[in-house]
N, C-alpha and C. Protein backbone atom coordinates (compact mmCIF):
# COMPACT_ATOMS: atom_id res chain seq x y z
N MET A 1 3.69 15.59 -18.38
CA MET A 1 4.30 15.34 -17.08
C MET A 1 3.35 14.50 -16.25
N ARG A 2 3.86 13.42 -15.65
CA ARG A 2 3.06 12.54 -14.81
C ARG A 2 3.28 12.93 -13.35
N LEU A 3 2.20 13.13 -12.62
CA LEU A 3 2.27 13.52 -11.21
C LEU A 3 2.04 12.30 -10.34
N SER A 4 2.75 12.21 -9.23
CA SER A 4 2.47 11.16 -8.26
C SER A 4 1.17 11.49 -7.55
N ALA A 5 0.60 10.48 -6.91
CA ALA A 5 -0.65 10.71 -6.17
C ALA A 5 -0.45 11.74 -5.06
N SER A 6 0.68 11.67 -4.37
CA SER A 6 0.92 12.62 -3.28
C SER A 6 1.13 14.03 -3.82
N HIS A 7 1.89 14.15 -4.92
CA HIS A 7 2.12 15.46 -5.52
C HIS A 7 0.81 16.03 -6.04
N LEU A 8 0.01 15.18 -6.69
CA LEU A 8 -1.28 15.63 -7.21
C LEU A 8 -2.16 16.11 -6.06
N GLY A 9 -2.17 15.36 -4.95
CA GLY A 9 -2.98 15.76 -3.80
C GLY A 9 -2.59 17.12 -3.27
N ARG A 10 -1.28 17.38 -3.18
CA ARG A 10 -0.81 18.68 -2.69
C ARG A 10 -1.18 19.80 -3.66
N ARG A 11 -1.06 19.53 -4.96
CA ARG A 11 -1.39 20.57 -5.94
C ARG A 11 -2.89 20.87 -5.92
N LEU A 12 -3.71 19.83 -5.79
CA LEU A 12 -5.15 20.05 -5.73
C LEU A 12 -5.54 20.81 -4.47
N ALA A 13 -4.92 20.45 -3.34
CA ALA A 13 -5.22 21.14 -2.08
C ALA A 13 -4.86 22.62 -2.18
N ALA A 14 -3.82 22.93 -2.92
CA ALA A 14 -3.40 24.33 -3.06
C ALA A 14 -4.47 25.17 -3.76
N ILE A 15 -5.27 24.52 -4.60
CA ILE A 15 -6.34 25.27 -5.27
C ILE A 15 -7.72 24.98 -4.68
N GLY A 16 -7.73 24.26 -3.55
CA GLY A 16 -8.98 24.04 -2.84
C GLY A 16 -9.81 22.86 -3.29
N ILE A 17 -9.20 21.89 -3.97
CA ILE A 17 -9.93 20.70 -4.40
C ILE A 17 -9.42 19.52 -3.59
N SER A 18 -10.32 18.72 -3.08
CA SER A 18 -9.94 17.56 -2.30
C SER A 18 -9.49 16.42 -3.21
N ALA A 19 -8.29 15.91 -2.96
CA ALA A 19 -7.80 14.77 -3.73
C ALA A 19 -8.68 13.55 -3.52
N ALA A 20 -9.29 13.44 -2.36
CA ALA A 20 -10.16 12.30 -2.08
C ALA A 20 -11.34 12.24 -3.04
N LEU A 21 -11.73 13.39 -3.59
CA LEU A 21 -12.83 13.41 -4.55
C LEU A 21 -12.37 13.04 -5.95
N LEU A 22 -11.13 13.38 -6.29
CA LEU A 22 -10.65 13.17 -7.64
C LEU A 22 -9.90 11.86 -7.84
N LEU A 23 -9.12 11.42 -6.87
CA LEU A 23 -8.29 10.25 -7.06
C LEU A 23 -9.05 9.00 -7.49
N PRO A 24 -10.26 8.71 -6.98
CA PRO A 24 -10.97 7.54 -7.48
C PRO A 24 -11.32 7.65 -8.96
N VAL A 25 -11.49 8.86 -9.45
CA VAL A 25 -11.81 9.06 -10.87
C VAL A 25 -10.64 8.66 -11.75
N ILE A 26 -9.41 8.89 -11.27
CA ILE A 26 -8.24 8.54 -12.07
C ILE A 26 -7.69 7.16 -11.70
N GLY A 27 -8.41 6.42 -10.89
CA GLY A 27 -8.05 5.04 -10.60
C GLY A 27 -7.19 4.81 -9.39
N VAL A 28 -7.08 5.76 -8.50
CA VAL A 28 -6.32 5.60 -7.26
C VAL A 28 -7.31 5.63 -6.12
N ALA A 29 -7.23 4.65 -5.25
CA ALA A 29 -8.21 4.54 -4.18
C ALA A 29 -7.63 5.03 -2.86
N PRO A 30 -7.89 6.28 -2.48
CA PRO A 30 -7.46 6.76 -1.17
C PRO A 30 -8.40 6.25 -0.09
N VAL A 31 -7.98 6.38 1.12
CA VAL A 31 -8.83 5.98 2.24
C VAL A 31 -9.10 7.21 3.07
N ALA A 32 -10.35 7.61 3.10
CA ALA A 32 -10.73 8.82 3.81
C ALA A 32 -10.65 8.59 5.32
N GLY A 33 -10.24 9.61 6.02
CA GLY A 33 -10.28 9.58 7.48
C GLY A 33 -9.10 8.91 8.15
N CYS A 34 -8.13 8.41 7.41
CA CYS A 34 -6.98 7.78 8.04
C CYS A 34 -6.10 8.85 8.66
N THR A 35 -5.71 8.62 9.90
CA THR A 35 -4.82 9.55 10.59
C THR A 35 -3.59 8.86 11.15
N GLU A 36 -3.55 7.54 11.07
CA GLU A 36 -2.43 6.78 11.62
C GLU A 36 -1.96 5.74 10.61
N GLY A 37 -0.66 5.54 10.59
CA GLY A 37 -0.08 4.51 9.73
C GLY A 37 1.41 4.40 10.00
N CYS A 38 1.92 3.20 9.96
CA CYS A 38 3.34 2.96 10.19
C CYS A 38 3.98 2.52 8.88
N THR A 39 5.22 2.86 8.70
CA THR A 39 5.92 2.62 7.44
C THR A 39 6.27 1.14 7.26
N PRO A 40 6.58 0.76 6.02
CA PRO A 40 7.08 -0.60 5.80
C PRO A 40 8.31 -0.89 6.66
N GLY A 41 9.18 0.11 6.82
CA GLY A 41 10.37 -0.08 7.65
C GLY A 41 10.03 -0.36 9.10
N TYR A 42 9.01 0.31 9.61
CA TYR A 42 8.58 0.05 10.98
C TYR A 42 8.17 -1.42 11.12
N TRP A 43 7.29 -1.88 10.21
CA TRP A 43 6.79 -3.25 10.30
C TRP A 43 7.90 -4.27 10.09
N LYS A 44 8.85 -3.96 9.21
CA LYS A 44 9.98 -4.86 8.97
C LYS A 44 10.82 -5.02 10.23
N ASN A 45 10.99 -3.94 10.98
CA ASN A 45 11.85 -3.96 12.16
C ASN A 45 11.13 -4.22 13.47
N HIS A 46 9.81 -4.32 13.44
CA HIS A 46 9.03 -4.58 14.66
C HIS A 46 8.05 -5.73 14.42
N THR A 47 8.60 -6.85 14.04
CA THR A 47 7.74 -8.00 13.71
C THR A 47 6.97 -8.50 14.92
N ASP A 48 7.44 -8.17 16.13
CA ASP A 48 6.72 -8.56 17.34
C ASP A 48 5.41 -7.79 17.50
N MET A 49 5.25 -6.73 16.74
CA MET A 49 4.03 -5.92 16.82
C MET A 49 2.99 -6.31 15.76
N TRP A 50 3.31 -7.29 14.93
CA TRP A 50 2.39 -7.68 13.86
C TRP A 50 1.09 -8.23 14.45
N PRO A 51 -0.03 -7.78 13.94
CA PRO A 51 -1.32 -8.29 14.42
C PRO A 51 -1.61 -9.67 13.84
N ALA A 52 -2.31 -10.49 14.62
CA ALA A 52 -2.78 -11.78 14.12
C ALA A 52 -3.80 -11.50 13.02
N PRO A 53 -3.86 -12.28 12.02
CA PRO A 53 -3.24 -13.59 11.81
C PRO A 53 -1.94 -13.53 11.04
N TYR A 54 -1.34 -12.37 10.87
CA TYR A 54 -0.20 -12.22 9.97
C TYR A 54 1.11 -12.60 10.67
N THR A 55 1.97 -13.30 9.92
CA THR A 55 3.29 -13.71 10.41
C THR A 55 4.32 -13.39 9.35
N THR A 56 5.56 -13.32 9.78
CA THR A 56 6.64 -12.99 8.86
C THR A 56 6.79 -14.03 7.75
N GLY A 57 6.52 -15.29 8.06
CA GLY A 57 6.67 -16.36 7.07
C GLY A 57 5.45 -16.61 6.20
N MET A 58 4.36 -15.95 6.49
CA MET A 58 3.14 -16.10 5.69
C MET A 58 3.38 -15.55 4.29
N SER A 59 2.91 -16.26 3.29
CA SER A 59 3.05 -15.73 1.93
C SER A 59 2.06 -14.61 1.71
N VAL A 60 2.42 -13.69 0.83
CA VAL A 60 1.48 -12.61 0.52
C VAL A 60 0.24 -13.18 -0.16
N TYR A 61 0.40 -14.32 -0.83
CA TYR A 61 -0.76 -14.99 -1.43
C TYR A 61 -1.73 -15.44 -0.34
N ALA A 62 -1.19 -16.01 0.74
CA ALA A 62 -2.05 -16.46 1.85
C ALA A 62 -2.75 -15.27 2.50
N ALA A 63 -2.15 -14.09 2.41
CA ALA A 63 -2.78 -12.88 2.97
C ALA A 63 -3.84 -12.31 2.03
N GLY A 64 -3.94 -12.87 0.82
CA GLY A 64 -4.99 -12.46 -0.11
C GLY A 64 -4.53 -11.75 -1.37
N PHE A 65 -3.24 -11.46 -1.48
CA PHE A 65 -2.75 -10.73 -2.65
C PHE A 65 -2.56 -11.69 -3.82
N ARG A 66 -3.01 -11.26 -4.99
CA ARG A 66 -2.99 -12.11 -6.18
C ARG A 66 -2.23 -11.44 -7.32
N PHE A 67 -1.06 -11.96 -7.60
CA PHE A 67 -0.27 -11.54 -8.76
C PHE A 67 0.74 -12.65 -9.02
N PRO A 68 1.33 -12.73 -10.21
CA PRO A 68 2.29 -13.80 -10.49
C PRO A 68 3.45 -13.78 -9.49
N GLY A 69 3.72 -14.92 -8.89
CA GLY A 69 4.80 -15.05 -7.93
C GLY A 69 4.42 -14.76 -6.49
N ALA A 70 3.17 -14.42 -6.23
CA ALA A 70 2.75 -14.05 -4.87
C ALA A 70 2.94 -15.19 -3.87
N SER A 71 2.80 -16.42 -4.32
CA SER A 71 2.92 -17.53 -3.37
C SER A 71 4.35 -17.73 -2.91
N GLY A 72 5.32 -17.16 -3.62
CA GLY A 72 6.71 -17.33 -3.26
C GLY A 72 7.32 -16.19 -2.47
N ILE A 73 6.52 -15.18 -2.14
CA ILE A 73 7.02 -14.02 -1.40
C ILE A 73 6.36 -13.99 -0.03
N THR A 74 7.18 -13.94 1.02
CA THR A 74 6.61 -13.85 2.36
C THR A 74 6.27 -12.40 2.68
N MET A 75 5.49 -12.22 3.70
CA MET A 75 5.12 -10.88 4.14
C MET A 75 6.39 -10.08 4.50
N LEU A 76 7.33 -10.70 5.19
CA LEU A 76 8.55 -10.00 5.57
C LEU A 76 9.39 -9.67 4.34
N GLU A 77 9.51 -10.58 3.41
CA GLU A 77 10.26 -10.31 2.18
C GLU A 77 9.65 -9.13 1.42
N ALA A 78 8.34 -9.06 1.40
CA ALA A 78 7.67 -7.95 0.72
C ALA A 78 8.06 -6.62 1.34
N LEU A 79 8.18 -6.59 2.66
CA LEU A 79 8.54 -5.35 3.35
C LEU A 79 10.01 -4.97 3.17
N GLN A 80 10.82 -5.91 2.76
CA GLN A 80 12.25 -5.65 2.63
C GLN A 80 12.59 -4.86 1.37
N GLY A 81 11.58 -4.52 0.63
CA GLY A 81 11.80 -3.60 -0.47
C GLY A 81 12.00 -4.28 -1.79
N GLY A 82 12.55 -3.54 -2.66
CA GLY A 82 12.71 -3.99 -4.02
C GLY A 82 11.97 -3.06 -4.95
N GLY A 83 12.01 -3.37 -6.15
CA GLY A 83 11.41 -2.55 -7.17
C GLY A 83 12.13 -2.85 -8.46
N GLY A 84 12.23 -1.85 -9.29
CA GLY A 84 12.92 -2.04 -10.55
C GLY A 84 12.03 -1.72 -11.73
N PRO A 85 12.52 -2.01 -12.92
CA PRO A 85 11.79 -1.64 -14.13
C PRO A 85 10.63 -2.58 -14.43
N GLY A 86 9.76 -2.11 -15.28
CA GLY A 86 8.67 -2.93 -15.81
C GLY A 86 7.65 -3.34 -14.77
N LEU A 87 6.81 -4.30 -15.19
CA LEU A 87 5.75 -4.79 -14.30
C LEU A 87 6.30 -5.52 -13.08
N PRO A 88 7.35 -6.35 -13.22
CA PRO A 88 7.86 -7.02 -12.01
C PRO A 88 8.31 -6.02 -10.94
N GLY A 89 8.97 -4.94 -11.34
CA GLY A 89 9.39 -3.94 -10.38
C GLY A 89 8.21 -3.22 -9.75
N ALA A 90 7.20 -2.91 -10.56
CA ALA A 90 6.00 -2.24 -10.05
C ALA A 90 5.27 -3.14 -9.06
N ARG A 91 5.22 -4.44 -9.33
CA ARG A 91 4.57 -5.37 -8.40
C ARG A 91 5.27 -5.36 -7.05
N LEU A 92 6.61 -5.35 -7.06
CA LEU A 92 7.35 -5.34 -5.80
C LEU A 92 7.13 -4.05 -5.03
N ILE A 93 7.08 -2.94 -5.74
CA ILE A 93 6.82 -1.64 -5.08
C ILE A 93 5.43 -1.64 -4.47
N LEU A 94 4.45 -2.13 -5.23
CA LEU A 94 3.06 -2.15 -4.74
C LEU A 94 2.90 -3.12 -3.59
N ILE A 95 3.50 -4.30 -3.67
CA ILE A 95 3.28 -5.28 -2.59
C ILE A 95 3.94 -4.80 -1.29
N ARG A 96 5.05 -4.10 -1.38
CA ARG A 96 5.68 -3.56 -0.17
C ARG A 96 4.73 -2.58 0.52
N ALA A 97 4.20 -1.65 -0.24
CA ALA A 97 3.27 -0.65 0.32
C ALA A 97 1.98 -1.31 0.79
N ALA A 98 1.50 -2.31 0.04
CA ALA A 98 0.24 -2.97 0.38
C ALA A 98 0.37 -3.80 1.66
N VAL A 99 1.48 -4.48 1.84
CA VAL A 99 1.66 -5.27 3.07
C VAL A 99 1.69 -4.34 4.28
N ALA A 100 2.40 -3.23 4.19
CA ALA A 100 2.41 -2.28 5.31
C ALA A 100 1.00 -1.74 5.55
N ALA A 101 0.29 -1.42 4.48
CA ALA A 101 -1.08 -0.91 4.63
C ALA A 101 -1.99 -1.97 5.26
N LEU A 102 -1.79 -3.23 4.91
CA LEU A 102 -2.60 -4.30 5.49
C LEU A 102 -2.31 -4.44 6.99
N LEU A 103 -1.05 -4.39 7.36
CA LEU A 103 -0.71 -4.46 8.79
C LEU A 103 -1.26 -3.25 9.54
N ASN A 104 -1.18 -2.09 8.91
CA ASN A 104 -1.78 -0.89 9.52
C ASN A 104 -3.29 -1.05 9.69
N ALA A 105 -3.92 -1.61 8.66
CA ALA A 105 -5.38 -1.78 8.71
C ALA A 105 -5.78 -2.67 9.88
N GLU A 106 -5.05 -3.74 10.06
CA GLU A 106 -5.38 -4.69 11.12
C GLU A 106 -4.97 -4.18 12.50
N ALA A 107 -3.80 -3.59 12.61
CA ALA A 107 -3.28 -3.17 13.92
C ALA A 107 -3.87 -1.85 14.40
N LEU A 108 -4.15 -0.95 13.48
CA LEU A 108 -4.53 0.40 13.87
C LEU A 108 -5.97 0.75 13.52
N ASP A 109 -6.68 -0.19 12.93
CA ASP A 109 -8.02 0.10 12.42
C ASP A 109 -7.99 1.32 11.50
N ALA A 110 -6.88 1.45 10.76
CA ALA A 110 -6.71 2.60 9.87
C ALA A 110 -7.66 2.52 8.68
N MET A 111 -7.99 1.32 8.28
CA MET A 111 -8.89 1.08 7.15
C MET A 111 -9.31 -0.38 7.22
N MET A 112 -10.14 -0.80 6.32
CA MET A 112 -10.59 -2.19 6.30
C MET A 112 -9.54 -3.05 5.60
N PRO A 113 -9.08 -4.14 6.22
CA PRO A 113 -8.09 -5.00 5.57
C PRO A 113 -8.54 -5.48 4.19
N GLY A 114 -9.81 -5.80 4.06
CA GLY A 114 -10.32 -6.25 2.77
C GLY A 114 -10.21 -5.19 1.69
N THR A 115 -10.32 -3.94 2.08
CA THR A 115 -10.18 -2.83 1.13
C THR A 115 -8.75 -2.75 0.62
N VAL A 116 -7.78 -2.94 1.50
CA VAL A 116 -6.37 -2.92 1.09
C VAL A 116 -6.12 -4.02 0.07
N VAL A 117 -6.54 -5.24 0.38
CA VAL A 117 -6.32 -6.37 -0.51
C VAL A 117 -7.03 -6.16 -1.84
N TYR A 118 -8.28 -5.72 -1.79
CA TYR A 118 -9.05 -5.47 -3.01
C TYR A 118 -8.37 -4.43 -3.88
N ASN A 119 -7.99 -3.28 -3.29
CA ASN A 119 -7.36 -2.22 -4.07
C ASN A 119 -6.03 -2.68 -4.67
N ALA A 120 -5.23 -3.38 -3.89
CA ALA A 120 -3.96 -3.88 -4.42
C ALA A 120 -4.21 -4.85 -5.58
N ASN A 121 -5.12 -5.78 -5.39
CA ASN A 121 -5.38 -6.77 -6.44
C ASN A 121 -5.94 -6.14 -7.71
N GLU A 122 -6.79 -5.15 -7.56
CA GLU A 122 -7.32 -4.44 -8.73
C GLU A 122 -6.19 -3.78 -9.51
N HIS A 123 -5.23 -3.23 -8.80
CA HIS A 123 -4.13 -2.54 -9.46
C HIS A 123 -3.10 -3.52 -10.01
N PHE A 124 -2.90 -4.67 -9.35
CA PHE A 124 -2.06 -5.72 -9.94
C PHE A 124 -2.67 -6.18 -11.26
N ALA A 125 -3.98 -6.36 -11.27
CA ALA A 125 -4.68 -6.88 -12.45
C ALA A 125 -4.65 -5.90 -13.63
N SER A 126 -4.38 -4.64 -13.37
CA SER A 126 -4.35 -3.67 -14.46
C SER A 126 -3.24 -3.95 -15.45
N LEU A 127 -2.19 -4.63 -14.99
CA LEU A 127 -1.01 -4.89 -15.81
C LEU A 127 -0.42 -3.60 -16.38
N ASP A 128 -0.55 -2.53 -15.60
CA ASP A 128 -0.05 -1.23 -16.01
C ASP A 128 0.86 -0.69 -14.91
N ARG A 129 2.11 -0.47 -15.23
CA ARG A 129 3.08 -0.02 -14.23
C ARG A 129 2.65 1.27 -13.55
N ALA A 130 2.22 2.26 -14.32
CA ALA A 130 1.85 3.55 -13.74
C ALA A 130 0.67 3.40 -12.77
N THR A 131 -0.26 2.55 -13.10
CA THR A 131 -1.42 2.31 -12.23
C THR A 131 -0.99 1.66 -10.92
N MET A 132 -0.08 0.70 -11.00
CA MET A 132 0.41 0.04 -9.80
C MET A 132 1.18 1.02 -8.92
N ILE A 133 2.03 1.83 -9.54
CA ILE A 133 2.82 2.79 -8.77
C ILE A 133 1.91 3.83 -8.12
N ALA A 134 0.87 4.24 -8.82
CA ALA A 134 -0.07 5.22 -8.24
C ALA A 134 -0.74 4.65 -7.00
N GLN A 135 -1.13 3.37 -7.02
CA GLN A 135 -1.76 2.78 -5.84
C GLN A 135 -0.73 2.63 -4.72
N ALA A 136 0.49 2.27 -5.06
CA ALA A 136 1.55 2.17 -4.04
C ALA A 136 1.74 3.53 -3.36
N GLU A 137 1.72 4.60 -4.15
CA GLU A 137 1.87 5.94 -3.57
C GLU A 137 0.68 6.30 -2.68
N ALA A 138 -0.52 5.87 -3.07
CA ALA A 138 -1.69 6.12 -2.23
C ALA A 138 -1.56 5.38 -0.90
N PHE A 139 -1.10 4.12 -0.95
CA PHE A 139 -0.87 3.38 0.29
C PHE A 139 0.23 4.06 1.11
N ASP A 140 1.28 4.53 0.45
CA ASP A 140 2.37 5.18 1.17
C ASP A 140 1.93 6.45 1.87
N GLU A 141 0.95 7.13 1.32
CA GLU A 141 0.41 8.32 2.00
C GLU A 141 -0.08 7.92 3.39
N ILE A 142 -0.75 6.79 3.47
CA ILE A 142 -1.28 6.29 4.74
C ILE A 142 -0.15 5.72 5.60
N ASN A 143 0.75 4.97 4.97
CA ASN A 143 1.84 4.33 5.70
C ASN A 143 2.80 5.33 6.33
N ASN A 144 2.77 6.56 5.88
CA ASN A 144 3.68 7.57 6.41
C ASN A 144 2.99 8.59 7.30
N LEU A 145 1.82 8.24 7.81
CA LEU A 145 1.15 9.08 8.79
C LEU A 145 1.77 8.86 10.16
N TYR A 146 1.18 9.41 11.18
CA TYR A 146 1.63 9.23 12.55
C TYR A 146 1.55 7.76 12.95
N CYS A 147 2.66 7.21 13.44
CA CYS A 147 2.68 5.82 13.89
C CYS A 147 2.60 5.79 15.42
N PRO A 148 1.43 5.44 15.96
CA PRO A 148 1.26 5.46 17.42
C PRO A 148 1.98 4.32 18.12
N LEU A 149 2.53 3.38 17.39
CA LEU A 149 3.18 2.22 17.99
C LEU A 149 4.65 2.48 18.31
N ASN A 150 5.18 3.59 17.84
CA ASN A 150 6.60 3.93 18.10
C ASN A 150 6.83 4.20 19.56
C-alpha cells in the first residue's frame, strides 16, 4: 500500500514521530515552520494579489521550472489544473502545486522561492510519477494552510 505524504504525516504523528524528520529520507521535501499558504484556486481567482515578478502570462519556464513543455505553459494555466495518467499527468499535478507554493513563498514569506523551484525541478528530473506526486502532496500541505490574504 502506498501512502500519500499527508497520510504518512498523520500516521507518523499518531505514533509520535515527526514527518519532517522522515520525509526527506524518502525523497519528499517538507518545509518546516510554514503556517500560511493559499491554494492554487485562490491564486487562480485572485491574480491581482500575485507578487512581483510573477504574472499570469509568464511561462513556468521563465519562473524557473524545468521539465518538457514548461516553456509552453503559463503560470495561470498551471493553476487551472489538470493531471492524468503517466509522467505527463504527474508533471501537471506537480506544476500546479509548485506554482501555488512559489506564489505563497513570494507573497507570504512561507518559504524560500528558490527552494520551491529546486524541489520541484528535482522531482521533475526523477522521471518517476510517484515521486512527483509525493512532492505535489508536500506542496499541497503548505498550500492548504491558513490563507491570510482571504
